[in-house]
PDB file of N, CA and C in Angstrom:
ATOM      1  N   MET A   1     -90.076 -89.054-127.804  1.00  0.00           N
ATOM      2  CA  MET A   1     -90.496 -87.985-126.915  1.00  0.00           C
ATOM      3  C   MET A   1     -90.514 -86.671-127.700  1.00  0.00           C
ATOM      4  N   SER A   2     -91.544 -85.847-127.480  1.00  0.00           N
ATOM      5  CA  SER A   2     -91.653 -84.590-128.212  1.00  0.00           C
ATOM      6  C   SER A   2     -90.573 -83.609-127.762  1.00  0.00           C
ATOM      7  N   ASN A   3     -90.302 -82.642-128.630  1.00  0.00           N
ATOM      8  CA  ASN A   3     -89.307 -81.614-128.302  1.00  0.00           C
ATOM      9  C   ASN A   3     -89.708 -80.818-127.070  1.00  0.00           C
ATOM     10  N   ARG A   4     -91.004 -80.542-126.919  1.00  0.00           N
ATOM     11  CA  ARG A   4     -91.478 -79.769-125.763  1.00  0.00           C
ATOM     12  C   ARG A   4     -91.201 -80.520-124.466  1.00  0.00           C
ATOM     13  N   ILE A   5     -91.491 -81.795-124.435  1.00  0.00           N
ATOM     14  CA  ILE A   5     -91.242 -82.596-123.228  1.00  0.00           C
ATOM     15  C   ILE A   5     -89.741 -82.683-122.956  1.00  0.00           C
ATOM     16  N   THR A   6     -88.958 -82.891-124.004  1.00  0.00           N
ATOM     17  CA  THR A   6     -87.502 -82.937-123.859  1.00  0.00           C
ATOM     18  C   THR A   6     -86.977 -81.616-123.314  1.00  0.00           C
ATOM     19  N   ASP A   7     -87.504 -80.479-123.826  1.00  0.00           N
ATOM     20  CA  ASP A   7     -87.087 -79.164-123.331  1.00  0.00           C
ATOM     21  C   ASP A   7     -87.436 -78.988-121.854  1.00  0.00           C
ATOM     22  N   ILE A   8     -88.627 -79.410-121.472  1.00  0.00           N
ATOM     23  CA  ILE A   8     -89.040 -79.283-120.075  1.00  0.00           C
ATOM     24  C   ILE A   8     -88.086 -80.075-119.174  1.00  0.00           C
ATOM     25  N   ILE A   9     -87.809 -81.285-119.561  1.00  0.00           N
ATOM     26  CA  ILE A   9     -86.895 -82.130-118.778  1.00  0.00           C
ATOM     27  C   ILE A   9     -85.506 -81.510-118.725  1.00  0.00           C
ATOM     28  N   ASN A  10     -84.978 -81.107-119.874  1.00  0.00           N
ATOM     29  CA  ASN A  10     -83.635 -80.526-119.918  1.00  0.00           C
ATOM     30  C   ASN A  10     -83.546 -79.217-119.147  1.00  0.00           C
ATOM     31  N   GLY A  11     -84.582 -78.400-119.203  1.00  0.00           N
ATOM     32  CA  GLY A  11     -84.594 -77.157-118.432  1.00  0.00           C
ATOM     33  C   GLY A  11     -84.517 -77.421-116.944  1.00  0.00           C
ATOM     34  N   HIS A  12     -85.261 -78.405-116.484  1.00  0.00           N
ATOM     35  CA  HIS A  12     -85.233 -78.739-115.058  1.00  0.00           C
ATOM     36  C   HIS A  12     -83.914 -79.389-114.652  1.00  0.00           C
ATOM     37  N   ILE A  13     -83.345 -80.188-115.520  1.00  0.00           N
ATOM     38  CA  ILE A  13     -82.015 -80.760-115.240  1.00  0.00           C
ATOM     39  C   ILE A  13     -80.989 -79.642-115.142  1.00  0.00           C
ATOM     40  N   ASN A  14     -81.010 -78.710-116.110  1.00  0.00           N
ATOM     41  CA  ASN A  14     -80.079 -77.574-116.077  1.00  0.00           C
ATOM     42  C   ASN A  14     -80.247 -76.774-114.789  1.00  0.00           C
ATOM     43  N   GLU A  15     -81.494 -76.589-114.373  1.00  0.00           N
ATOM     44  CA  GLU A  15     -81.752 -75.853-113.138  1.00  0.00           C
ATOM     45  C   GLU A  15     -81.167 -76.602-111.939  1.00  0.00           C
ATOM     46  N   ALA A  16     -81.422 -77.899-111.848  1.00  0.00           N
ATOM     47  CA  ALA A  16     -80.937 -78.704-110.724  1.00  0.00           C
ATOM     48  C   ALA A  16     -79.409 -78.738-110.664  1.00  0.00           C
ATOM     49  N   LEU A  17     -78.774 -78.736-111.837  1.00  0.00           N
ATOM     50  CA  LEU A  17     -77.310 -78.795-111.904  1.00  0.00           C
ATOM     51  C   LEU A  17     -76.652 -77.421-111.912  1.00  0.00           C
ATOM     52  N   GLY A  18     -77.463 -76.357-111.905  1.00  0.00           N
ATOM     53  CA  GLY A  18     -76.916 -74.998-111.912  1.00  0.00           C
ATOM     54  C   GLY A  18     -76.330 -74.590-113.251  1.00  0.00           C
ATOM     55  N   LYS A  19     -76.740 -75.253-114.325  1.00  0.00           N
ATOM     56  CA  LYS A  19     -76.214 -74.921-115.655  1.00  0.00           C
ATOM     57  C   LYS A  19     -76.917 -73.698-116.227  1.00  0.00           C
ATOM     58  N   GLU A  20     -76.200 -72.973-117.085  1.00  0.00           N
ATOM     59  CA  GLU A  20     -76.731 -71.786-117.781  1.00  0.00           C
ATOM     60  C   GLU A  20     -77.250 -70.730-116.807  1.00  0.00           C
ATOM     61  N   GLN A  21     -76.585 -70.610-115.670  1.00  0.00           N
ATOM     62  CA  GLN A  21     -76.984 -69.668-114.623  1.00  0.00           C
ATOM     63  C   GLN A  21     -76.971 -68.219-115.116  1.00  0.00           C
ATOM     64  N   ASP A  22     -75.897 -67.791-115.781  1.00  0.00           N
ATOM     65  CA  ASP A  22     -75.805 -66.408-116.242  1.00  0.00           C
ATOM     66  C   ASP A  22     -76.907 -66.078-117.248  1.00  0.00           C
ATOM     67  N   LEU A  23     -77.159 -66.997-118.157  1.00  0.00           N
ATOM     68  CA  LEU A  23     -78.213 -66.809-119.148  1.00  0.00           C
ATOM     69  C   LEU A  23     -79.571 -66.685-118.454  1.00  0.00           C
ATOM     70  N   SER A  24     -79.828 -67.558-117.515  1.00  0.00           N
ATOM     71  CA  SER A  24     -81.093 -67.547-116.794  1.00  0.00           C
ATOM     72  C   SER A  24     -81.292 -66.243-116.029  1.00  0.00           C
ATOM     73  N   ILE A  25     -80.272 -65.759-115.378  1.00  0.00           N
ATOM     74  CA  ILE A  25     -80.375 -64.510-114.604  1.00  0.00           C
ATOM     75  C   ILE A  25     -80.760 -63.352-115.513  1.00  0.00           C
ATOM     76  N   LYS A  26     -80.130 -63.244-116.665  1.00  0.00           N
ATOM     77  CA  LYS A  26     -80.443 -62.162-117.615  1.00  0.00           C
ATOM     78  C   LYS A  26     -81.885 -62.263-118.102  1.00  0.00           C
ATOM     79  N   ARG A  27     -82.292 -63.464-118.448  1.00  0.00           N
ATOM     80  CA  ARG A  27     -83.646 -63.660-118.967  1.00  0.00           C
ATOM     81  C   ARG A  27     -84.695 -63.457-117.876  1.00  0.00           C
ATOM     82  N   LEU A  28     -84.444 -63.976-116.683  1.00  0.00           N
ATOM     83  CA  LEU A  28     -85.416 -63.830-115.599  1.00  0.00           C
ATOM     84  C   LEU A  28     -85.627 -62.368-115.217  1.00  0.00           C
ATOM     85  N   ALA A  29     -84.595 -61.551-115.342  1.00  0.00           N
ATOM     86  CA  ALA A  29     -84.750 -60.115-115.059  1.00  0.00           C
ATOM     87  C   ALA A  29     -85.818 -59.519-115.975  1.00  0.00           C
ATOM     88  N   ILE A  30     -85.851 -59.970-117.211  1.00  0.00           N
ATOM     89  CA  ILE A  30     -86.865 -59.519-118.172  1.00  0.00           C
ATOM     90  C   ILE A  30     -88.230 -60.091-117.782  1.00  0.00           C
ATOM     91  N   CYS A  31     -88.257 -61.365-117.444  1.00  0.00           N
ATOM     92  CA  CYS A  31     -89.519 -62.035-117.085  1.00  0.00           C
ATOM     93  C   CYS A  31     -90.172 -61.391-115.863  1.00  0.00           C
ATOM     94  N   TYR A  32     -89.374 -61.024-114.856  1.00  0.00           N
ATOM     95  CA  TYR A  32     -89.942 -60.426-113.653  1.00  0.00           C
ATOM     96  C   TYR A  32     -90.657 -59.118-113.961  1.00  0.00           C
ATOM     97  N   GLU A  33     -90.257 -58.432-115.023  1.00  0.00           N
ATOM     98  CA  GLU A  33     -90.893 -57.173-115.413  1.00  0.00           C
ATOM     99  C   GLU A  33     -92.117 -57.387-116.306  1.00  0.00           C
ATOM    100  N   CYS A  34     -92.315 -58.592-116.795  1.00  0.00           N
ATOM    101  CA  CYS A  34     -93.399 -58.885-117.730  1.00  0.00           C
ATOM    102  C   CYS A  34     -94.746 -58.903-117.004  1.00  0.00           C
ATOM    103  N   PRO A  35     -95.755 -58.253-117.577  1.00  0.00           N
ATOM    104  CA  PRO A  35     -97.058 -58.197-116.908  1.00  0.00           C
ATOM    105  C   PRO A  35     -97.816 -59.526-116.862  1.00  0.00           C
ATOM    106  N   ILE A  36     -97.375 -60.545-117.592  1.00  0.00           N
ATOM    107  CA  ILE A  36     -98.072 -61.834-117.478  1.00  0.00           C
ATOM    108  C   ILE A  36     -97.270 -62.866-116.697  1.00  0.00           C
ATOM    109  N   SER A  37     -96.152 -62.464-116.130  1.00  0.00           N
ATOM    110  CA  SER A  37     -95.441 -63.407-115.261  1.00  0.00           C
ATOM    111  C   SER A  37     -96.153 -63.431-113.910  1.00  0.00           C
ATOM    112  N   LYS A  38     -96.073 -64.574-113.264  1.00  0.00           N
ATOM    113  CA  LYS A  38     -96.789 -64.764-112.002  1.00  0.00           C
ATOM    114  C   LYS A  38     -95.909 -65.577-111.070  1.00  0.00           C
ATOM    115  N   LEU A  39     -95.694 -65.057-109.869  1.00  0.00           N
ATOM    116  CA  LEU A  39     -94.899 -65.766-108.878  1.00  0.00           C
ATOM    117  C   LEU A  39     -95.814 -66.746-108.142  1.00  0.00           C
ATOM    118  N   THR A  40     -95.439 -68.022-108.185  1.00  0.00           N
ATOM    119  CA  THR A  40     -96.232 -69.078-107.549  1.00  0.00           C
ATOM    120  C   THR A  40     -95.351 -69.821-106.547  1.00  0.00           C
ATOM    121  N   SER A  41     -95.937 -70.786-105.869  1.00  0.00           N
ATOM    122  CA  SER A  41     -95.158 -71.594-104.930  1.00  0.00           C
ATOM    123  C   SER A  41     -94.110 -72.441-105.657  1.00  0.00           C
ATOM    124  N   LEU A  42     -94.276 -72.639-106.966  1.00  0.00           N
ATOM    125  CA  LEU A  42     -93.304 -73.388-107.777  1.00  0.00           C
ATOM    126  C   LEU A  42     -92.282 -72.478-108.442  1.00  0.00           C
ATOM    127  N   GLY A  43     -92.405 -71.181-108.232  1.00  0.00           N
ATOM    128  CA  GLY A  43     -91.510 -70.218-108.862  1.00  0.00           C
ATOM    129  C   GLY A  43     -92.263 -69.358-109.849  1.00  0.00           C
ATOM    130  N   LEU A  44     -91.527 -68.600-110.642  1.00  0.00           N
ATOM    131  CA  LEU A  44     -92.105 -67.694-111.624  1.00  0.00           C
ATOM    132  C   LEU A  44     -92.614 -68.482-112.826  1.00  0.00           C
ATOM    133  N   ILE A  45     -93.842 -68.193-113.244  1.00  0.00           N
ATOM    134  CA  ILE A  45     -94.397 -68.840-114.434  1.00  0.00           C
ATOM    135  C   ILE A  45     -94.865 -67.780-115.428  1.00  0.00           C
ATOM    136  N   CYS A  46     -94.958 -68.179-116.669  1.00  0.00           N
ATOM    137  CA  CYS A  46     -95.572 -67.365-117.722  1.00  0.00           C
ATOM    138  C   CYS A  46     -97.053 -67.752-117.699  1.00  0.00           C
ATOM    139  N   ASP A  47     -97.886 -66.883-117.168  1.00  0.00           N
ATOM    140  CA  ASP A  47     -99.284 -67.186-116.851  1.00  0.00           C
ATOM    141  C   ASP A  47    -100.111 -67.489-118.101  1.00  0.00           C
ATOM    142  N   ASN A  48    -100.539 -68.739-118.216  1.00  0.00           N
ATOM    143  CA  ASN A  48    -101.303 -69.138-119.393  1.00  0.00           C
ATOM    144  C   ASN A  48    -102.798 -68.843-119.267  1.00  0.00           C
ATOM    145  N   SER A  49    -103.187 -68.065-118.268  1.00  0.00           N
ATOM    146  CA  SER A  49    -104.564 -67.589-118.187  1.00  0.00           C
ATOM    147  C   SER A  49    -104.681 -66.178-118.753  1.00  0.00           C
ATOM    148  N   LYS A  50    -103.552 -65.644-119.258  1.00  0.00           N
ATOM    149  CA  LYS A  50    -103.516 -64.285-119.813  1.00  0.00           C
ATOM    150  C   LYS A  50    -102.932 -64.300-121.222  1.00  0.00           C
ATOM    151  N   TRP A  51    -103.243 -63.272-121.970  1.00  0.00           N
ATOM    152  CA  TRP A  51    -102.702 -63.057-123.314  1.00  0.00           C
ATOM    153  C   TRP A  51    -101.973 -61.731-123.303  1.00  0.00           C
ATOM    154  N   ILE A  52    -100.926 -61.605-124.143  1.00  0.00           N
ATOM    155  CA  ILE A  52    -100.114 -60.392-124.187  1.00  0.00           C
ATOM    156  C   ILE A  52     -99.834 -60.002-125.634  1.00  0.00           C
ATOM    157  N   SER A  53     -99.803 -58.700-125.869  1.00  0.00           N
ATOM    158  CA  SER A  53     -99.460 -58.192-127.194  1.00  0.00           C
ATOM    159  C   SER A  53     -97.982 -57.824-127.218  1.00  0.00           C
ATOM    160  N   ALA A  54     -97.465 -57.555-128.392  1.00  0.00           N
ATOM    161  CA  ALA A  54     -96.062 -57.133-128.533  1.00  0.00           C
ATOM    162  C   ALA A  54     -95.815 -55.803-127.820  1.00  0.00           C
ATOM    163  N   LYS A  55     -96.878 -55.056-127.534  1.00  0.00           N
ATOM    164  CA  LYS A  55     -96.758 -53.760-126.840  1.00  0.00           C
ATOM    165  C   LYS A  55     -96.979 -53.901-125.327  1.00  0.00           C
ATOM    166  N   ASN A  56     -96.953 -55.142-124.834  1.00  0.00           N
ATOM    167  CA  ASN A  56     -97.148 -55.435-123.399  1.00  0.00           C
ATOM    168  C   ASN A  56     -98.559 -55.166-122.910  1.00  0.00           C
ATOM    169  N   GLU A  57     -99.526 -55.103-123.805  1.00  0.00           N
ATOM    170  CA  GLU A  57    -100.919 -54.967-123.386  1.00  0.00           C
ATOM    171  C   GLU A  57    -101.411 -56.363-122.999  1.00  0.00           C
ATOM    172  N   VAL A  58    -102.164 -56.454-121.926  1.00  0.00           N
ATOM    173  CA  VAL A  58    -102.603 -57.741-121.387  1.00  0.00           C
ATOM    174  C   VAL A  58    -104.116 -57.875-121.534  1.00  0.00           C
ATOM    175  N   SER A  59    -104.542 -59.080-121.820  1.00  0.00           N
ATOM    176  CA  SER A  59    -105.961 -59.390-121.909  1.00  0.00           C
ATOM    177  C   SER A  59    -106.218 -60.703-121.170  1.00  0.00           C
ATOM    178  N   LEU A  60    -107.424 -60.829-120.637  1.00  0.00           N
ATOM    179  CA  LEU A  60    -107.828 -62.077-119.988  1.00  0.00           C
ATOM    180  C   LEU A  60    -108.558 -62.992-120.958  1.00  0.00           C
ATOM    181  N   GLU A  61    -108.657 -62.554-122.210  1.00  0.00           N
ATOM    182  CA  GLU A  61    -109.285 -63.376-123.245  1.00  0.00           C
ATOM    183  C   GLU A  61    -108.510 -63.230-124.551  1.00  0.00           C
ATOM    184  N   ALA A  62    -108.686 -64.190-125.413  1.00  0.00           N
ATOM    185  CA  ALA A  62    -107.986 -64.178-126.699  1.00  0.00           C
ATOM    186  C   ALA A  62    -108.422 -62.969-127.527  1.00  0.00           C
ATOM    187  N   LYS A  63    -107.435 -62.328-128.155  1.00  0.00           N
ATOM    188  CA  LYS A  63    -107.684 -61.195-129.039  1.00  0.00           C
ATOM    189  C   LYS A  63    -106.724 -61.300-130.209  1.00  0.00           C
ATOM    190  N   PRO A  64    -107.096 -60.766-131.362  1.00  0.00           N
ATOM    191  CA  PRO A  64    -106.164 -60.758-132.500  1.00  0.00           C
ATOM    192  C   PRO A  64    -104.872 -60.015-132.137  1.00  0.00           C
ATOM    193  N   GLY A  65    -103.745 -60.601-132.478  1.00  0.00           N
ATOM    194  CA  GLY A  65    -102.457 -59.974-132.202  1.00  0.00           C
ATOM    195  C   GLY A  65    -101.917 -60.246-130.807  1.00  0.00           C
ATOM    196  N   TYR A  66    -102.628 -60.995-130.012  1.00  0.00           N
ATOM    197  CA  TYR A  66    -102.192 -61.332-128.660  1.00  0.00           C
ATOM    198  C   TYR A  66    -101.746 -62.794-128.625  1.00  0.00           C
ATOM    199  N   THR A  67    -100.778 -63.081-127.759  1.00  0.00           N
ATOM    200  CA  THR A  67    -100.263 -64.437-127.598  1.00  0.00           C
ATOM    201  C   THR A  67    -100.543 -64.902-126.183  1.00  0.00           C
ATOM    202  N   LYS A  68    -101.014 -66.133-126.068  1.00  0.00           N
ATOM    203  CA  LYS A  68    -101.318 -66.701-124.752  1.00  0.00           C
ATOM    204  C   LYS A  68    -100.020 -67.058-124.028  1.00  0.00           C
ATOM    205  N   GLY A  69     -99.975 -66.780-122.727  1.00  0.00           N
ATOM    206  CA  GLY A  69     -98.833 -67.186-121.910  1.00  0.00           C
ATOM    207  C   GLY A  69     -98.589 -68.675-122.063  1.00  0.00           C
ATOM    208  N   CYS A  70     -97.333 -69.087-122.023  1.00  0.00           N
ATOM    209  CA  CYS A  70     -96.992 -70.487-122.310  1.00  0.00           C
ATOM    210  C   CYS A  70     -97.196 -71.414-121.122  1.00  0.00           C
ATOM    211  N   GLY A  71     -97.255 -70.867-119.898  1.00  0.00           N
ATOM    212  CA  GLY A  71     -97.450 -71.698-118.717  1.00  0.00           C
ATOM    213  C   GLY A  71     -96.174 -72.313-118.166  1.00  0.00           C
ATOM    214  N   CYS A  72     -95.042 -71.995-118.759  1.00  0.00           N
ATOM    215  CA  CYS A  72     -93.768 -72.605-118.338  1.00  0.00           C
ATOM    216  C   CYS A  72     -93.278 -72.062-117.005  1.00  0.00           C
ATOM    217  N   ARG A  73     -92.576 -72.918-116.267  1.00  0.00           N
ATOM    218  CA  ARG A  73     -91.793 -72.490-115.102  1.00  0.00           C
ATOM    219  C   ARG A  73     -90.558 -71.811-115.657  1.00  0.00           C
ATOM    220  N   LEU A  74     -90.424 -70.550-115.412  1.00  0.00           N
ATOM    221  CA  LEU A  74     -89.397 -69.768-116.092  1.00  0.00           C
ATOM    222  C   LEU A  74     -87.994 -70.008-115.555  1.00  0.00           C
ATOM    223  N   GLN A  75     -87.848 -70.465-114.317  1.00  0.00           N
ATOM    224  CA  GLN A  75     -86.516 -70.787-113.806  1.00  0.00           C
ATOM    225  C   GLN A  75     -85.897 -71.929-114.613  1.00  0.00           C
ATOM    226  N   ALA A  76     -86.720 -72.779-115.195  1.00  0.00           N
ATOM    227  CA  ALA A  76     -86.218 -73.869-116.037  1.00  0.00           C
ATOM    228  C   ALA A  76     -86.107 -73.433-117.496  1.00  0.00           C
ATOM    229  N   LYS A  77     -87.160 -72.803-118.031  1.00  0.00           N
ATOM    230  CA  LYS A  77     -87.178 -72.426-119.449  1.00  0.00           C
ATOM    231  C   LYS A  77     -86.038 -71.475-119.809  1.00  0.00           C
ATOM    232  N   THR A  78     -85.716 -70.554-118.908  1.00  0.00           N
ATOM    233  CA  THR A  78     -84.682 -69.556-119.205  1.00  0.00           C
ATOM    234  C   THR A  78     -83.281 -70.148-119.274  1.00  0.00           C
ATOM    235  N   ARG A  79     -83.115 -71.411-118.915  1.00  0.00           N
ATOM    236  CA  ARG A  79     -81.804 -72.070-118.933  1.00  0.00           C
ATOM    237  C   ARG A  79     -81.545 -72.836-120.230  1.00  0.00           C
ATOM    238  N   LEU A  80     -82.446 -72.733-121.180  1.00  0.00           N
ATOM    239  CA  LEU A  80     -82.289 -73.424-122.461  1.00  0.00           C
ATOM    240  C   LEU A  80     -81.876 -72.411-123.526  1.00  0.00           C
ATOM    241  N   PRO A  81     -80.610 -72.421-123.937  1.00  0.00           N
ATOM    242  CA  PRO A  81     -80.113 -71.404-124.880  1.00  0.00           C
ATOM    243  C   PRO A  81     -80.928 -71.296-126.172  1.00  0.00           C
ATOM    244  N   HIS A  82     -81.473 -72.405-126.658  1.00  0.00           N
ATOM    245  CA  HIS A  82     -82.214 -72.386-127.922  1.00  0.00           C
ATOM    246  C   HIS A  82     -83.671 -71.969-127.743  1.00  0.00           C
ATOM    247  N   ASN A  83     -84.145 -71.874-126.522  1.00  0.00           N
ATOM    248  CA  ASN A  83     -85.528 -71.527-126.269  1.00  0.00           C
ATOM    249  C   ASN A  83     -85.703 -70.015-126.288  1.00  0.00           C
ATOM    250  N   HIS A  84     -86.949 -69.540-126.374  1.00  0.00           N
ATOM    251  CA  HIS A  84     -87.185 -68.101-126.424  1.00  0.00           C
ATOM    252  C   HIS A  84     -88.521 -67.757-125.765  1.00  0.00           C
ATOM    253  N   CYS A  85     -88.658 -66.498-125.442  1.00  0.00           N
ATOM    254  CA  CYS A  85     -89.890 -65.946-124.902  1.00  0.00           C
ATOM    255  C   CYS A  85     -90.972 -66.012-125.982  1.00  0.00           C
ATOM    256  N   ILE A  86     -92.222 -66.216-125.562  1.00  0.00           N
ATOM    257  CA  ILE A  86     -93.312 -66.342-126.528  1.00  0.00           C
ATOM    258  C   ILE A  86     -93.536 -65.084-127.352  1.00  0.00           C
ATOM    259  N   ILE A  87     -93.121 -63.918-126.844  1.00  0.00           N
ATOM    260  CA  ILE A  87     -93.229 -62.686-127.637  1.00  0.00           C
ATOM    261  C   ILE A  87     -91.850 -62.083-127.902  1.00  0.00           C
ATOM    262  N   ASN A  88     -90.864 -62.953-127.873  1.00  0.00           N
ATOM    263  CA  ASN A  88     -89.481 -62.626-128.270  1.00  0.00           C
ATOM    264  C   ASN A  88     -88.848 -61.487-127.459  1.00  0.00           C
ATOM    265  N   LYS A  89     -89.107 -61.461-126.163  1.00  0.00           N
ATOM    266  CA  LYS A  89     -88.416 -60.507-125.296  1.00  0.00           C
ATOM    267  C   LYS A  89     -86.977 -60.948-125.047  1.00  0.00           C
ATOM    268  N   TRP A  90     -86.715 -62.240-125.194  1.00  0.00           N
ATOM    269  CA  TRP A  90     -85.358 -62.780-125.096  1.00  0.00           C
ATOM    270  C   TRP A  90     -85.258 -64.005-125.975  1.00  0.00           C
TER     271      TRP A  90
END
């Protein structure tokens, strides 16, 4: 199994078991302020239909120096201590 799939599974397990709650709360506070985060019926996601620069500039298309949103459910991703934001906000 790939590391990405393992991370997704482990993030959701941590969420279901309430693990890494303090870490997740700190990280989610940052995510809620991010211009490419999107609240959905599944929770907060890093919107993979948008790109973001290190200066928080947003684009709807690929541009040099911009990174595409990862598409992750952030309530799960933020519970993985070894994981990080795509533009290193946490």
